[in-house]
């Protein structure tokens, strides 16, 4: 899936959270592809419309819920690897600094985004000039595009590593069905030995997961920290107990799934007691397929034509499964 989390031009949470040092990388990666993984970067997350959804049926539901999740993860990874389609979509993002709405196009050279609204209002002349300069730099500067692509690849590799670890890091139990969705509860596997700092957060995380039974795709994950996550005896950082995230993935086109909602509420401390608060809501709407051969320059021209500064937050959202 196109990695929306890049959001060329700097809208993504990752750039801001990067400044919070490696502590928040643990929450960021999970939340993005916990997110993602939702589900995965889908992380995040093919060159043809013929994808793994057509090639293989969804996994059957075995008696062992953890085994079911292993098969779903395998199916999800296969679908993600075979889907190289490019899409245009809207993103609405809210955090403690305000809100932004952007029109985003994914291309073979990366993503480019045009800001539509800031705090619900059209851009001022000064803001529009700065936004145009940002986009033009991305179009004209091949080095900048290469940097962004490398960062996106590195992010994707980390997210994939986390996604693959899910079946080993957690124990899953069936928790019912609703509207064609298999609901599972999960909690840490006490025998799981996290190989790195990013995966340590799994030991303090529990929640629920939904799987679309017909498609064999992850459709939602809600999680919370039931205890503090401590790094380096608390000197490197801490994520506070009670932090939550919710990620929704949905089918937005023929055999194509994308994250459509991400809600993160985390707090803690990074290196030497620097307080961290992350409250962020992202909604992705209005998905439209674009050419797989589209360049950044061509996408820029499409964005310049525009189609109205309508908030993605006001677009008709895809409804997630009801929470229990």
Protein backbone atom coordinates (compact mmCIF):
# COMPACT_ATOMS: atom_id res chain seq x y z
CA UNK A 1 0.00 0.00 0.00
CA UNK A 2 1.18 3.54 -0.53
CA UNK A 3 2.85 4.75 2.63
CA UNK A 4 0.59 7.67 3.50
CA UNK A 5 2.68 8.32 6.53
CA UNK A 6 5.37 10.00 4.43
CA UNK A 7 2.97 12.67 3.27
CA UNK A 8 5.63 14.44 1.30
CA UNK A 9 5.82 17.99 2.46
CA UNK A 10 6.04 17.25 6.14
CA UNK A 11 2.47 16.65 7.30
CA UNK A 12 3.15 13.19 8.68
CA UNK A 13 3.31 12.61 12.41
CA UNK A 14 6.63 10.87 11.92
CA UNK A 15 8.64 14.02 11.32
CA UNK A 16 7.39 15.70 14.44
CA UNK A 17 7.71 12.60 16.56
CA UNK A 18 11.22 12.03 15.22
CA UNK A 19 12.32 15.07 17.20
CA UNK A 20 11.22 13.33 20.37
CA UNK A 21 14.21 11.03 20.13
CA UNK A 22 14.18 7.28 19.92
CA UNK A 23 11.79 6.90 22.84
CA UNK A 24 8.78 7.88 20.89
CA UNK A 25 9.90 5.86 17.93
CA UNK A 26 8.53 2.88 19.82
CA UNK A 27 5.05 4.31 20.09
CA UNK A 28 5.24 5.95 16.68
CA UNK A 29 6.14 2.80 14.80
CA UNK A 30 3.53 0.74 16.51
CA UNK A 31 0.90 3.37 16.22
CA UNK A 32 1.60 3.82 12.61
CA UNK A 33 1.47 0.39 11.84
CA UNK A 34 -0.08 -0.73 14.64
CA UNK A 35 -1.35 1.27 12.66
CA UNK A 36 -0.99 -0.04 9.64
CA UNK A 37 -0.24 -2.38 10.18
CA UNK A 38 -2.86 -1.75 10.18
CA UNK A 39 -2.11 -2.53 9.04
CA UNK A 40 0.67 -1.76 7.57
CA UNK A 41 1.67 1.07 6.51
CA UNK A 42 -0.33 -0.30 4.79
CA UNK A 43 1.99 0.76 6.27
CA UNK A 44 1.25 2.03 5.60
CA UNK A 45 0.28 1.35 4.43
CA UNK A 46 -0.32 -3.62 -7.79
CA UNK A 47 1.35 -2.05 -10.52
CA UNK A 48 -1.83 -3.73 -11.61
CA UNK A 49 -5.22 -4.00 -10.01
CA UNK A 50 -4.81 -7.78 -9.84
CA UNK A 51 -3.68 -8.29 -6.27
CA UNK A 52 -3.20 -11.05 -3.75
CA UNK A 53 -6.88 -10.74 -2.86
CA UNK A 54 -7.64 -12.30 -6.23
CA UNK A 55 -4.87 -14.86 -6.16
CA UNK A 56 -5.58 -16.50 -2.82
CA UNK A 57 -8.67 -17.00 -0.69
CA UNK A 58 -8.77 -15.55 2.82
CA UNK A 59 -7.39 -17.85 5.51
CA UNK A 60 -9.83 -20.26 7.13
CA UNK A 61 -10.56 -19.72 10.79
CA UNK A 62 -8.70 -22.32 12.90
CA UNK A 63 -9.60 -23.12 16.48
CA UNK A 64 -6.43 -21.41 17.72
CA UNK A 65 -6.90 -17.62 17.52
CA UNK A 66 -3.16 -16.90 17.57
CA UNK A 67 -2.67 -19.23 14.60
CA UNK A 68 -5.48 -17.40 12.82
CA UNK A 69 -3.67 -14.10 13.32
CA UNK A 70 -0.43 -15.61 11.96
CA UNK A 71 -2.26 -16.60 8.80
CA UNK A 72 -3.95 -13.21 8.53
CA UNK A 73 -0.59 -11.45 8.90
CA UNK A 74 0.87 -13.63 6.15
CA UNK A 75 -2.10 -12.85 3.91
CA UNK A 76 -1.85 -9.13 4.70
CA UNK A 77 1.86 -9.03 3.85
CA UNK A 78 1.28 -10.86 0.57
CA UNK A 79 -1.50 -8.45 -0.43
CA UNK A 80 0.64 -5.46 0.52
CA UNK A 81 3.65 -6.72 -1.43
CA UNK A 82 1.61 -7.25 -4.60
CA UNK A 83 -0.25 -3.93 -4.53
CA UNK A 84 1.77 -1.15 -6.16
CA UNK A 85 -1.15 1.01 -7.21
CA UNK A 86 -1.09 4.78 -6.70
CA UNK A 87 -3.88 6.84 -5.21
CA UNK A 88 -5.05 10.36 -4.57
CA UNK A 89 -6.78 11.05 -1.26
CA UNK A 90 -7.59 13.68 1.35
CA UNK A 91 -6.14 13.79 4.84
CA UNK A 92 -7.50 15.69 7.80
CA UNK A 93 -5.13 15.92 10.74
CA UNK A 94 -5.73 17.35 14.20
CA UNK A 95 -3.22 17.73 17.02
CA UNK A 96 -2.47 20.08 19.88
CA UNK A 97 -1.29 22.73 17.39
CA UNK A 98 -4.50 22.79 15.36
CA UNK A 99 -5.71 21.11 12.19
CA UNK A 100 -4.71 20.79 8.55
CA UNK A 101 -6.40 19.38 5.47
CA UNK A 102 -4.36 18.25 2.49
CA UNK A 103 -4.89 16.84 -0.97
CA UNK A 104 -2.31 14.07 -1.44
CA UNK A 105 -1.17 12.22 -4.57
CA UNK A 106 1.02 9.14 -4.49
CA UNK A 107 3.38 8.73 -7.47
CA UNK A 108 6.19 6.45 -8.60
CA UNK A 109 8.58 9.12 -7.27
CA UNK A 110 6.91 9.51 -3.88
CA UNK A 111 4.07 11.61 -2.54
CA UNK A 112 3.25 15.27 -2.92
CA UNK A 113 0.55 17.12 -1.00
CA UNK A 114 -1.17 20.51 -1.31
CA UNK A 115 -2.48 22.16 1.83
CA UNK A 116 -6.17 23.04 1.52
CA UNK A 117 -7.14 24.31 4.95
CA UNK A 118 -5.39 25.34 8.16
CA UNK A 119 -7.56 25.25 11.26
CA UNK A 120 -10.61 24.96 9.02
CA UNK A 121 -9.86 28.13 7.00
CA UNK A 122 -8.39 28.67 3.52
CA UNK A 123 -4.71 29.62 3.47
CA UNK A 124 -3.71 33.27 3.61
CA UNK A 125 -1.68 34.68 0.72
CA UNK A 126 1.50 34.24 2.76
CA UNK A 127 0.65 30.66 3.71
CA UNK A 128 -0.22 29.78 0.12
CA UNK A 129 3.09 31.20 -1.13
CA UNK A 130 5.00 29.10 1.40
CA UNK A 131 3.01 25.99 0.51
CA UNK A 132 3.67 26.50 -3.21
CA UNK A 133 7.39 26.93 -2.52
CA UNK A 134 7.44 23.69 -0.55
CA UNK A 135 5.77 21.77 -3.38
CA UNK A 136 8.02 23.32 -6.03
CA UNK A 137 11.11 22.35 -4.07
CA UNK A 138 9.93 18.77 -4.04
CA UNK A 139 9.30 18.84 -7.79
CA UNK A 140 12.60 20.50 -8.69
CA UNK A 141 14.96 18.95 -6.14
CA UNK A 142 15.77 15.34 -6.95
CA UNK A 143 17.97 15.11 -3.87
CA UNK A 144 15.05 16.08 -1.63
CA UNK A 145 12.88 13.40 -3.22
CA UNK A 146 15.64 10.82 -2.75
CA UNK A 147 15.90 11.76 0.95
CA UNK A 148 12.19 11.35 1.43
CA UNK A 149 12.15 8.03 -0.38
CA UNK A 150 15.00 6.70 1.76
CA UNK A 151 13.21 7.80 4.91
CA UNK A 152 10.01 6.15 3.68
CA UNK A 153 11.87 2.90 2.94
CA UNK A 154 13.52 2.90 6.36
CA UNK A 155 10.15 3.55 7.99
CA UNK A 156 8.56 0.77 5.97
CA UNK A 157 11.25 -1.71 6.95
CA UNK A 158 10.75 -0.95 10.64
CA UNK A 159 6.99 -1.17 10.33
CA UNK A 160 7.18 -4.49 8.52
CA UNK A 161 9.45 -5.86 11.23
CA UNK A 162 6.93 -4.84 13.87
CA UNK A 163 4.03 -6.29 11.93
CA UNK A 164 5.75 -9.63 11.52
CA UNK A 165 6.40 -9.73 15.27
CA UNK A 166 2.70 -9.35 16.19
CA UNK A 167 1.77 -13.06 16.23
CA UNK A 168 4.76 -13.89 18.45
CA UNK A 169 4.49 -10.87 20.73
CA UNK A 170 0.83 -11.41 21.67
CA UNK A 171 -1.60 -14.12 22.62
CA UNK A 172 -4.96 -13.83 20.88
CA UNK A 173 -8.40 -15.03 21.93
CA UNK A 174 -11.61 -15.04 19.89
CA UNK A 175 -14.00 -12.40 21.23
CA UNK A 176 -17.07 -12.78 19.00
CA UNK A 177 -18.23 -11.68 15.55
CA UNK A 178 -20.08 -8.62 14.26
CA UNK A 179 -21.07 -7.43 10.80
CA UNK A 180 -18.82 -9.94 9.06
CA UNK A 181 -15.90 -9.07 11.34
CA UNK A 182 -14.04 -11.53 13.56
CA UNK A 183 -13.19 -9.78 16.82
CA UNK A 184 -10.15 -10.86 18.83
CA UNK A 185 -8.74 -9.78 22.17
CA UNK A 186 -4.97 -9.70 22.61
CA UNK A 187 -2.49 -9.42 25.47
CA UNK A 188 1.30 -9.82 25.73
CA UNK A 189 2.92 -13.21 25.33
CA UNK A 190 4.97 -13.60 28.55
CA UNK A 191 7.53 -15.69 26.68
CA UNK A 192 8.20 -13.08 23.99
CA UNK A 193 11.71 -11.59 24.14
CA UNK A 194 11.70 -8.25 22.32
CA UNK A 195 14.86 -8.02 20.16
CA UNK A 196 15.04 -4.21 20.19
CA UNK A 197 13.71 -1.07 21.88
CA UNK A 198 10.98 -0.46 19.31
CA UNK A 199 9.36 -3.81 20.13
CA UNK A 200 9.53 -3.43 23.92
CA UNK A 201 6.23 -1.55 23.89
CA UNK A 202 4.45 -4.79 22.98
CA UNK A 203 5.08 -6.14 26.47
CA UNK A 204 2.81 -3.47 27.97
CA UNK A 205 0.07 -3.39 25.35
CA UNK A 206 -3.34 -5.05 25.18
CA UNK A 207 -6.52 -4.48 23.25
CA UNK A 208 -8.81 -5.77 20.50
CA UNK A 209 -8.42 -6.49 16.81
CA UNK A 210 -11.00 -6.91 14.07
CA UNK A 211 -10.53 -9.01 10.90
CA UNK A 212 -12.74 -8.74 7.82
CA UNK A 213 -13.66 -12.39 7.44
CA UNK A 214 -14.57 -12.31 3.74
CA UNK A 215 -11.43 -10.46 2.67
CA UNK A 216 -9.08 -11.91 5.26
CA UNK A 217 -7.83 -8.38 6.00
CA UNK A 218 -7.21 -6.55 9.25
CA UNK A 219 -9.85 -3.86 9.60
CA UNK A 220 -9.31 -2.33 13.02
CA UNK A 221 -7.07 -2.36 16.06
CA UNK A 222 -7.60 -0.63 19.39
CA UNK A 223 -4.92 -0.80 22.05
CA UNK A 224 -3.86 0.70 25.34
CA UNK A 225 -0.83 0.64 27.61
CA UNK A 226 -1.77 -1.14 30.84
CA UNK A 227 1.52 -0.14 32.47
CA UNK A 228 4.34 2.37 31.97
CA UNK A 229 6.89 1.50 29.29
CA UNK A 230 10.35 2.36 30.63
CA UNK A 231 13.51 2.72 28.54
CA UNK A 232 17.01 2.73 30.05
CA UNK A 233 15.82 2.62 33.69
CA UNK A 234 13.72 5.69 32.93
CA UNK A 235 16.68 7.84 31.89
CA UNK A 236 16.08 7.42 28.16
CA UNK A 237 12.37 7.77 28.44
CA UNK A 238 8.98 6.53 29.52
CA UNK A 239 5.56 6.06 27.95
CA UNK A 240 2.82 6.52 30.51
CA UNK A 241 0.22 3.93 31.43
CA UNK A 242 -3.18 4.65 29.89
CA UNK A 243 -1.97 5.75 26.44
CA UNK A 244 -4.30 4.59 23.67
CA UNK A 245 -4.49 4.25 19.91
CA UNK A 246 -7.17 3.24 17.44
CA UNK A 247 -6.55 2.44 13.79
CA UNK A 248 -9.11 1.57 11.11
CA UNK A 249 -8.33 0.04 7.72
CA UNK A 250 -10.96 -0.31 5.01
CA UNK A 251 -11.36 -1.36 1.40
CA UNK A 252 -11.29 1.86 -0.64
CA UNK A 253 -11.07 0.44 -4.16
CA UNK A 254 -11.00 -2.82 -6.07
CA UNK A 255 -8.94 -5.16 -3.88
CA UNK A 256 -7.21 -2.17 -2.31
CA UNK A 257 -7.19 -1.46 1.42
CA UNK A 258 -5.98 1.65 3.19
CA UNK A 259 -5.84 3.08 6.68
CA UNK A 260 -8.78 5.50 6.90
CA UNK A 261 -8.53 6.59 10.54
CA UNK A 262 -5.78 6.91 13.14
CA UNK A 263 -6.33 8.22 16.66
CA UNK A 264 -3.32 8.37 19.02
CA UNK A 265 -3.28 9.61 22.61
CA UNK A 266 0.06 9.10 24.32
CA UNK A 267 2.11 10.86 26.96
CA UNK A 268 5.45 10.33 28.66
CA UNK A 269 8.98 11.63 29.01
CA UNK A 270 11.97 11.52 26.68
CA UNK A 271 15.65 11.91 27.44
CA UNK A 272 16.20 13.72 30.72
CA UNK A 273 12.55 14.17 31.66
CA UNK A 274 11.34 16.12 28.66
CA UNK A 275 7.54 15.87 28.79
CA UNK A 276 5.84 14.40 25.71
CA UNK A 277 2.17 14.61 24.82
CA UNK A 278 0.90 13.25 21.54
CA UNK A 279 -2.79 13.62 20.78
CA UNK A 280 -3.41 13.22 17.11
CA UNK A 281 -6.34 12.32 14.91
CA UNK A 282 -5.96 11.58 11.21
CA UNK A 283 -8.73 10.74 8.77
CA UNK A 284 -8.14 9.64 5.18
CA UNK A 285 -11.00 10.01 2.69
CA UNK A 286 -11.94 10.47 -0.97
CA UNK A 287 -9.61 7.83 -2.44
CA UNK A 288 -9.22 7.91 -6.21
CA UNK A 289 -6.94 5.75 -8.34
CA UNK A 290 -4.28 7.59 -10.37
CA UNK A 291 -1.90 6.41 -13.07
CA UNK A 292 0.85 4.10 -11.92
CA UNK A 293 3.28 6.03 -14.14
CA UNK A 294 2.46 9.44 -12.67
CA UNK A 295 5.50 11.60 -11.84
CA UNK A 296 5.76 14.15 -9.03
CA UNK A 297 5.75 16.96 -11.60
CA UNK A 298 2.55 15.66 -13.17
CA UNK A 299 0.96 15.24 -9.74
CA UNK A 300 1.91 18.83 -8.91
CA UNK A 301 0.03 20.01 -12.00
CA UNK A 302 -3.05 18.04 -10.93
CA UNK A 303 -2.89 19.55 -7.45
CA UNK A 304 -2.58 23.03 -8.93
CA UNK A 305 -5.85 22.52 -10.78
CA UNK A 306 -7.46 21.63 -7.46
CA UNK A 307 -11.05 20.65 -6.85
CA UNK A 308 -12.15 22.83 -3.97
CA UNK A 309 -10.90 23.34 -0.43
CA UNK A 310 -13.31 20.94 1.24
CA UNK A 311 -12.25 19.53 4.57
CA UNK A 312 -11.62 15.81 4.53
CA UNK A 313 -13.11 15.83 8.01
CA UNK A 314 -16.45 16.80 6.51
CA UNK A 315 -16.39 14.11 3.86
CA UNK A 316 -18.51 11.01 4.44
CA UNK A 317 -16.29 8.71 6.51
CA UNK A 318 -16.03 4.96 6.16
CA UNK A 319 -17.67 3.54 9.26
CA UNK A 320 -15.49 1.29 11.42
CA UNK A 321 -16.80 -1.77 13.25
CA UNK A 322 -18.67 -0.91 16.42
CA UNK A 323 -16.54 -1.11 19.56
CA UNK A 324 -17.45 -3.51 22.37
